Amino acid sequence: MSNRKVEVKGYKAYVCRQGDSFDLLAAQAYGTETMAHVIAQENPDYIDVLLFDGGETIRLPLVETVETPDTLPPWRR
């Protein structure tokens, strides 16, 4: 999924728990930590946070994978 393009369809408010990180949230929300940048980009105020203290409200993007010619397998192009 990391080499595929994603389209943000909306957002969900998420209240962070102590110890949460962008990669942990991405793994829980999207099934892979390689999507952490999608969450980080939508939360620029927290871009430098490695581990959340807990209680911070962030925007969790609701995404859809978009198939493009460069991400489709050769037999589907």
PDB file of N, CA and C in Angstrom:
ATOM      1  N   MET A   1       0.816  -1.189   0.000  1.00  0.00           N
ATOM      2  CA  MET A   1       0.000   0.000   0.000  1.00  0.00           C
ATOM      3  C   MET A   1       0.858   1.251   0.000  1.00  0.00           C
ATOM      4  N   SER A   2       2.095   1.191   0.435  1.00  0.00           N
ATOM      5  CA  SER A   2       2.922   2.379   0.566  1.00  0.00           C
ATOM      6  C   SER A   2       3.264   3.017  -0.768  1.00  0.00           C
ATOM      7  N   ASN A   3       3.334   2.253  -1.864  1.00  0.00           N
ATOM      8  CA  ASN A   3       3.665   2.840  -3.157  1.00  0.00           C
ATOM      9  C   ASN A   3       2.414   3.262  -3.917  1.00  0.00           C
ATOM     10  N   ARG A   4       1.261   3.072  -3.349  1.00  0.00           N
ATOM     11  CA  ARG A   4       0.010   3.463  -3.992  1.00  0.00           C
ATOM     12  C   ARG A   4      -0.377   4.858  -3.535  1.00  0.00           C
ATOM     13  N   LYS A   5      -1.094   5.532  -4.396  1.00  0.00           N
ATOM     14  CA  LYS A   5      -1.580   6.858  -4.042  1.00  0.00           C
ATOM     15  C   LYS A   5      -2.846   6.704  -3.222  1.00  0.00           C
ATOM     16  N   VAL A   6      -3.033   7.634  -2.302  1.00  0.00           N
ATOM     17  CA  VAL A   6      -4.237   7.607  -1.480  1.00  0.00           C
ATOM     18  C   VAL A   6      -5.010   8.901  -1.680  1.00  0.00           C
ATOM     19  N   GLU A   7      -6.304   8.792  -1.531  1.00  0.00           N
ATOM     20  CA  GLU A   7      -7.176   9.954  -1.623  1.00  0.00           C
ATOM     21  C   GLU A   7      -7.859  10.111  -0.272  1.00  0.00           C
ATOM     22  N   VAL A   8      -7.738  11.306   0.311  1.00  0.00           N
ATOM     23  CA  VAL A   8      -8.369  11.574   1.597  1.00  0.00           C
ATOM     24  C   VAL A   8      -9.849  11.840   1.354  1.00  0.00           C
ATOM     25  N   LYS A   9     -10.690  11.049   1.996  1.00  0.00           N
ATOM     26  CA  LYS A   9     -12.141  11.144   1.826  1.00  0.00           C
ATOM     27  C   LYS A   9     -12.812  11.919   2.950  1.00  0.00           C
ATOM     28  N   GLY A  10     -12.086  12.170   4.019  1.00  0.00           N
ATOM     29  CA  GLY A  10     -12.642  12.872   5.169  1.00  0.00           C
ATOM     30  C   GLY A  10     -11.698  12.724   6.350  1.00  0.00           C
ATOM     31  N   TYR A  11     -12.172  13.115   7.503  1.00  0.00           N
ATOM     32  CA  TYR A  11     -11.347  13.077   8.706  1.00  0.00           C
ATOM     33  C   TYR A  11     -12.174  12.609   9.886  1.00  0.00           C
ATOM     34  N   LYS A  12     -11.460  12.047  10.854  1.00  0.00           N
ATOM     35  CA  LYS A  12     -12.074  11.633  12.106  1.00  0.00           C
ATOM     36  C   LYS A  12     -11.209  12.209  13.213  1.00  0.00           C
ATOM     37  N   ALA A  13     -11.823  12.782  14.216  1.00  0.00           N
ATOM     38  CA  ALA A  13     -11.066  13.273  15.362  1.00  0.00           C
ATOM     39  C   ALA A  13     -10.619  12.071  16.192  1.00  0.00           C
ATOM     40  N   TYR A  14      -9.378  12.110  16.614  1.00  0.00           N
ATOM     41  CA  TYR A  14      -8.840  11.030  17.441  1.00  0.00           C
ATOM     42  C   TYR A  14      -8.129  11.652  18.632  1.00  0.00           C
ATOM     43  N   VAL A  15      -8.457  11.204  19.821  1.00  0.00           N
ATOM     44  CA  VAL A  15      -7.787  11.668  21.029  1.00  0.00           C
ATOM     45  C   VAL A  15      -6.668  10.681  21.339  1.00  0.00           C
ATOM     46  N   CYS A  16      -5.450  11.192  21.294  1.00  0.00           N
ATOM     47  CA  CYS A  16      -4.268  10.338  21.488  1.00  0.00           C
ATOM     48  C   CYS A  16      -4.176   9.837  22.920  1.00  0.00           C
ATOM     49  N   ARG A  17      -3.631   8.645  23.035  1.00  0.00           N
ATOM     50  CA  ARG A  17      -3.323   8.062  24.333  1.00  0.00           C
ATOM     51  C   ARG A  17      -1.825   8.186  24.565  1.00  0.00           C
ATOM     52  N   GLN A  18      -1.425   8.172  25.797  1.00  0.00           N
ATOM     53  CA  GLN A  18      -0.009   8.260  26.124  1.00  0.00           C
ATOM     54  C   GLN A  18       0.744   7.141  25.419  1.00  0.00           C
ATOM     55  N   GLY A  19       1.813   7.513  24.706  1.00  0.00           N
ATOM     56  CA  GLY A  19       2.632   6.530  24.007  1.00  0.00           C
ATOM     57  C   GLY A  19       2.263   6.325  22.555  1.00  0.00           C
ATOM     58  N   ASP A  20       1.141   6.904  22.115  1.00  0.00           N
ATOM     59  CA  ASP A  20       0.790   6.816  20.694  1.00  0.00           C
ATOM     60  C   ASP A  20       1.853   7.507  19.851  1.00  0.00           C
ATOM     61  N   SER A  21       2.029   7.032  18.635  1.00  0.00           N
ATOM     62  CA  SER A  21       2.935   7.652  17.668  1.00  0.00           C
ATOM     63  C   SER A  21       2.260   7.586  16.307  1.00  0.00           C
ATOM     64  N   PHE A  22       2.756   8.384  15.366  1.00  0.00           N
ATOM     65  CA  PHE A  22       2.153   8.380  14.037  1.00  0.00           C
ATOM     66  C   PHE A  22       2.216   6.995  13.391  1.00  0.00           C
ATOM     67  N   ASP A  23       3.339   6.296  13.556  1.00  0.00           N
ATOM     68  CA  ASP A  23       3.436   4.975  12.922  1.00  0.00           C
ATOM     69  C   ASP A  23       2.523   3.951  13.596  1.00  0.00           C
ATOM     70  N   LEU A  24       2.356   4.038  14.896  1.00  0.00           N
ATOM     71  CA  LEU A  24       1.436   3.141  15.592  1.00  0.00           C
ATOM     72  C   LEU A  24      -0.009   3.404  15.149  1.00  0.00           C
ATOM     73  N   LEU A  25      -0.373   4.678  15.059  1.00  0.00           N
ATOM     74  CA  LEU A  25      -1.728   5.029  14.623  1.00  0.00           C
ATOM     75  C   LEU A  25      -1.977   4.592  13.188  1.00  0.00           C
ATOM     76  N   ALA A  26      -0.964   4.741  12.323  1.00  0.00           N
ATOM     77  CA  ALA A  26      -1.104   4.313  10.929  1.00  0.00           C
ATOM     78  C   ALA A  26      -1.292   2.800  10.841  1.00  0.00           C
ATOM     79  N   ALA A  27      -0.539   2.056  11.636  1.00  0.00           N
ATOM     80  CA  ALA A  27      -0.674   0.597  11.633  1.00  0.00           C
ATOM     81  C   ALA A  27      -2.075   0.187  12.079  1.00  0.00           C
ATOM     82  N   GLN A  28      -2.605   0.879  13.085  1.00  0.00           N
ATOM     83  CA  GLN A  28      -3.946   0.553  13.574  1.00  0.00           C
ATOM     84  C   GLN A  28      -5.026   0.967  12.576  1.00  0.00           C
ATOM     85  N   ALA A  29      -4.868   2.144  11.976  1.00  0.00           N
ATOM     86  CA  ALA A  29      -5.913   2.681  11.095  1.00  0.00           C
ATOM     87  C   ALA A  29      -5.875   2.096   9.691  1.00  0.00           C
ATOM     88  N   TYR A  30      -4.658   1.865   9.166  1.00  0.00           N
ATOM     89  CA  TYR A  30      -4.515   1.479   7.760  1.00  0.00           C
ATOM     90  C   TYR A  30      -3.870   0.110   7.546  1.00  0.00           C
ATOM     91  N   GLY A  31      -3.424  -0.505   8.630  1.00  0.00           N
ATOM     92  CA  GLY A  31      -2.817  -1.823   8.501  1.00  0.00           C
ATOM     93  C   GLY A  31      -1.342  -1.809   8.163  1.00  0.00           C
ATOM     94  N   THR A  32      -0.738  -0.625   8.069  1.00  0.00           N
ATOM     95  CA  THR A  32       0.693  -0.516   7.791  1.00  0.00           C
ATOM     96  C   THR A  32       1.237   0.790   8.343  1.00  0.00           C
ATOM     97  N   GLU A  33       2.391   0.705   8.978  1.00  0.00           N
ATOM     98  CA  GLU A  33       3.007   1.909   9.531  1.00  0.00           C
ATOM     99  C   GLU A  33       3.611   2.807   8.453  1.00  0.00           C
ATOM    100  N   THR A  34       3.730   2.300   7.238  1.00  0.00           N
ATOM    101  CA  THR A  34       4.303   3.114   6.159  1.00  0.00           C
ATOM    102  C   THR A  34       3.378   4.257   5.741  1.00  0.00           C
ATOM    103  N   MET A  35       2.175   4.287   6.272  1.00  0.00           N
ATOM    104  CA  MET A  35       1.232   5.371   5.975  1.00  0.00           C
ATOM    105  C   MET A  35       1.269   6.467   7.037  1.00  0.00           C
ATOM    106  N   ALA A  36       2.246   6.426   7.930  1.00  0.00           N
ATOM    107  CA  ALA A  36       2.338   7.419   9.004  1.00  0.00           C
ATOM    108  C   ALA A  36       2.419   8.842   8.466  1.00  0.00           C
ATOM    109  N   HIS A  37       3.060   9.012   7.321  1.00  0.00           N
ATOM    110  CA  HIS A  37       3.199  10.358   6.751  1.00  0.00           C
ATOM    111  C   HIS A  37       1.850  10.985   6.409  1.00  0.00           C
ATOM    112  N   VAL A  38       0.862  10.175   6.089  1.00  0.00           N
ATOM    113  CA  VAL A  38      -0.473  10.688   5.760  1.00  0.00           C
ATOM    114  C   VAL A  38      -1.077  11.366   6.995  1.00  0.00           C
ATOM    115  N   ILE A  39      -0.932  10.745   8.145  1.00  0.00           N
ATOM    116  CA  ILE A  39      -1.449  11.323   9.388  1.00  0.00           C
ATOM    117  C   ILE A  39      -0.616  12.537   9.787  1.00  0.00           C
ATOM    118  N   ALA A  40       0.695  12.424   9.693  1.00  0.00           N
ATOM    119  CA  ALA A  40       1.577  13.527  10.081  1.00  0.00           C
ATOM    120  C   ALA A  40       1.321  14.779   9.248  1.00  0.00           C
ATOM    121  N   GLN A  41       1.124  14.616   7.949  1.00  0.00           N
ATOM    122  CA  GLN A  41       0.885  15.768   7.072  1.00  0.00           C
ATOM    123  C   GLN A  41      -0.390  16.515   7.445  1.00  0.00           C
ATOM    124  N   GLU A  42      -1.369  15.818   7.965  1.00  0.00           N
ATOM    125  CA  GLU A  42      -2.635  16.454   8.336  1.00  0.00           C
ATOM    126  C   GLU A  42      -2.604  17.057   9.737  1.00  0.00           C
ATOM    127  N   ASN A  43      -1.491  16.880  10.441  1.00  0.00           N
ATOM    128  CA  ASN A  43      -1.356  17.384  11.803  1.00  0.00           C
ATOM    129  C   ASN A  43      -0.028  18.111  11.975  1.00  0.00           C
ATOM    130  N   PRO A  44       0.166  19.217  11.239  1.00  0.00           N
ATOM    131  CA  PRO A  44       1.466  19.898  11.252  1.00  0.00           C
ATOM    132  C   PRO A  44       1.880  20.424  12.623  1.00  0.00           C
ATOM    133  N   ASP A  45       0.931  20.704  13.511  1.00  0.00           N
ATOM    134  CA  ASP A  45       1.286  21.184  14.849  1.00  0.00           C
ATOM    135  C   ASP A  45       2.001  20.115  15.669  1.00  0.00           C
ATOM    136  N   TYR A  46       1.869  18.864  15.271  1.00  0.00           N
ATOM    137  CA  TYR A  46       2.465  17.754  16.021  1.00  0.00           C
ATOM    138  C   TYR A  46       3.557  17.038  15.231  1.00  0.00           C
ATOM    139  N   ILE A  47       4.008  17.633  14.149  1.00  0.00           N
ATOM    140  CA  ILE A  47       4.949  16.965  13.241  1.00  0.00           C
ATOM    141  C   ILE A  47       6.245  16.534  13.944  1.00  0.00           C
ATOM    142  N   ASP A  48       6.655  17.252  14.988  1.00  0.00           N
ATOM    143  CA  ASP A  48       7.899  16.926  15.689  1.00  0.00           C
ATOM    144  C   ASP A  48       7.696  15.997  16.885  1.00  0.00           C
ATOM    145  N   VAL A  49       6.480  15.558  17.118  1.00  0.00           N
ATOM    146  CA  VAL A  49       6.186  14.690  18.261  1.00  0.00           C
ATOM    147  C   VAL A  49       6.519  13.245  17.903  1.00  0.00           C
ATOM    148  N   LEU A  50       7.350  12.626  18.729  1.00  0.00           N
ATOM    149  CA  LEU A  50       7.659  11.206  18.525  1.00  0.00           C
ATOM    150  C   LEU A  50       6.640  10.327  19.241  1.00  0.00           C
ATOM    151  N   LEU A  51       6.374  10.653  20.498  1.00  0.00           N
ATOM    152  CA  LEU A  51       5.374   9.938  21.295  1.00  0.00           C
ATOM    153  C   LEU A  51       4.444  10.967  21.925  1.00  0.00           C
ATOM    154  N   PHE A  52       3.161  10.762  21.772  1.00  0.00           N
ATOM    155  CA  PHE A  52       2.192  11.691  22.333  1.00  0.00           C
ATOM    156  C   PHE A  52       2.082  11.511  23.843  1.00  0.00           C
ATOM    157  N   ASP A  53       1.844  12.635  24.540  1.00  0.00           N
ATOM    158  CA  ASP A  53       1.674  12.599  25.993  1.00  0.00           C
ATOM    159  C   ASP A  53       0.329  12.000  26.385  1.00  0.00           C
ATOM    160  N   GLY A  54      -0.643  12.157  25.513  1.00  0.00           N
ATOM    161  CA  GLY A  54      -2.006  11.708  25.785  1.00  0.00           C
ATOM    162  C   GLY A  54      -2.914  12.916  25.935  1.00  0.00           C
ATOM    163  N   GLY A  55      -4.081  12.840  25.341  1.00  0.00           N
ATOM    164  CA  GLY A  55      -5.039  13.930  25.426  1.00  0.00           C
ATOM    165  C   GLY A  55      -5.054  14.859  24.225  1.00  0.00           C
ATOM    166  N   GLU A  56      -4.055  14.769  23.352  1.00  0.00           N
ATOM    167  CA  GLU A  56      -4.024  15.608  22.155  1.00  0.00           C
ATOM    168  C   GLU A  56      -5.076  15.107  21.165  1.00  0.00           C
ATOM    169  N   THR A  57      -5.806  16.025  20.569  1.00  0.00           N
ATOM    170  CA  THR A  57      -6.786  15.653  19.547  1.00  0.00           C
ATOM    171  C   THR A  57      -6.182  15.930  18.182  1.00  0.00           C
ATOM    172  N   ILE A  58      -6.107  14.897  17.360  1.00  0.00           N
ATOM    173  CA  ILE A  58      -5.548  15.037  16.013  1.00  0.00           C
ATOM    174  C   ILE A  58      -6.608  14.662  14.985  1.00  0.00           C
ATOM    175  N   ARG A  59      -6.298  14.999  13.738  1.00  0.00           N
ATOM    176  CA  ARG A  59      -7.169  14.627  12.614  1.00  0.00           C
ATOM    177  C   ARG A  59      -6.634  13.339  12.007  1.00  0.00           C
ATOM    178  N   LEU A  60      -7.462  12.314  12.020  1.00  0.00           N
ATOM    179  CA  LEU A  60      -7.100  11.031  11.430  1.00  0.00           C
ATOM    180  C   LEU A  60      -7.762  10.951  10.057  1.00  0.00           C
ATOM    181  N   PRO A  61      -6.970  11.038   8.970  1.00  0.00           N
ATOM    182  CA  PRO A  61      -7.555  11.016   7.632  1.00  0.00           C
ATOM    183  C   PRO A  61      -8.216   9.677   7.314  1.00  0.00           C
ATOM    184  N   LEU A  62      -9.376   9.757   6.695  1.00  0.00           N
ATOM    185  CA  LEU A  62     -10.057   8.577   6.170  1.00  0.00           C
ATOM    186  C   LEU A  62      -9.648   8.495   4.708  1.00  0.00           C
ATOM    187  N   VAL A  63      -8.920   7.458   4.347  1.00  0.00           N
ATOM    188  CA  VAL A  63      -8.327   7.392   3.010  1.00  0.00           C
ATOM    189  C   VAL A  63      -8.864   6.227   2.200  1.00  0.00           C
ATOM    190  N   GLU A  64      -8.713   6.386   0.903  1.00  0.00           N
ATOM    191  CA  GLU A  64      -9.056   5.340  -0.052  1.00  0.00           C
ATOM    192  C   GLU A  64      -7.860   5.184  -0.980  1.00  0.00           C
ATOM    193  N   THR A  65      -7.462   3.957  -1.224  1.00  0.00           N
ATOM    194  CA  THR A  65      -6.367   3.710  -2.154  1.00  0.00           C
ATOM    195  C   THR A  65      -6.849   3.983  -3.566  1.00  0.00           C
ATOM    196  N   VAL A  66      -6.044   4.722  -4.305  1.00  0.00           N
ATOM    197  CA  VAL A  66      -6.390   5.052  -5.684  1.00  0.00           C
ATOM    198  C   VAL A  66      -5.436   4.310  -6.603  1.00  0.00           C
ATOM    199  N   GLU A  67      -5.983   3.464  -7.453  1.00  0.00           N
ATOM    200  CA  GLU A  67      -5.157   2.738  -8.418  1.00  0.00           C
ATOM    201  C   GLU A  67      -4.835   3.664  -9.586  1.00  0.00           C
ATOM    202  N   THR A  68      -3.571   3.781  -9.902  1.00  0.00           N
ATOM    203  CA  THR A  68      -3.127   4.578 -11.042  1.00  0.00           C
ATOM    204  C   THR A  68      -2.298   3.673 -11.941  1.00  0.00           C
ATOM    205  N   PRO A  69      -2.071   4.056 -13.184  1.00  0.00           N
ATOM    206  CA  PRO A  69      -1.297   3.190 -14.085  1.00  0.00           C
ATOM    207  C   PRO A  69       0.044   2.740 -13.514  1.00  0.00           C
ATOM    208  N   ASP A  70       0.717   3.603 -12.752  1.00  0.00           N
ATOM    209  CA  ASP A  70       2.014   3.201 -12.213  1.00  0.00           C
ATOM    210  C   ASP A  70       1.895   2.296 -10.993  1.00  0.00           C
ATOM    211  N   THR A  71       0.705   2.163 -10.407  1.00  0.00           N
ATOM    212  CA  THR A  71       0.545   1.270  -9.259  1.00  0.00           C
ATOM    213  C   THR A  71      -0.202  -0.010  -9.598  1.00  0.00           C
ATOM    214  N   LEU A  72      -0.777  -0.065 -10.777  1.00  0.00           N
ATOM    215  CA  LEU A  72      -1.476  -1.277 -11.202  1.00  0.00           C
ATOM    216  C   LEU A  72      -0.483  -2.349 -11.636  1.00  0.00           C
ATOM    217  N   PRO A  73      -0.784  -3.609 -11.394  1.00  0.00           N
ATOM    218  CA  PRO A  73       0.076  -4.663 -11.919  1.00  0.00           C
ATOM    219  C   PRO A  73       0.011  -4.640 -13.450  1.00  0.00           C
ATOM    220  N   PRO A  74       1.060  -5.104 -14.129  1.00  0.00           N
ATOM    221  CA  PRO A  74       1.119  -5.024 -15.596  1.00  0.00           C
ATOM    222  C   PRO A  74      -0.094  -5.608 -16.302  1.00  0.00           C
ATOM    223  N   TRP A  75      -0.675  -6.686 -15.771  1.00  0.00           N
ATOM    224  CA  TRP A  75      -1.805  -7.315 -16.454  1.00  0.00           C
ATOM    225  C   TRP A  75      -3.106  -6.515 -16.311  1.00  0.00           C
ATOM    226  N   ARG A  76      -3.117  -5.450 -15.490  1.00  0.00           N
ATOM    227  CA  ARG A  76      -4.319  -4.630 -15.351  1.00  0.00           C
ATOM    228  C   ARG A  76      -4.163  -3.262 -16.004  1.00  0.00           C
ATOM    229  N   ARG A  77      -3.004  -3.005 -16.622  1.00  0.00           N
ATOM    230  CA  ARG A  77      -2.779  -1.691 -17.242  1.00  0.00           C
ATOM    231  C   ARG A  77      -3.439  -1.587 -18.569  1.00  0.00           C
TER     232      ARG A  77
END
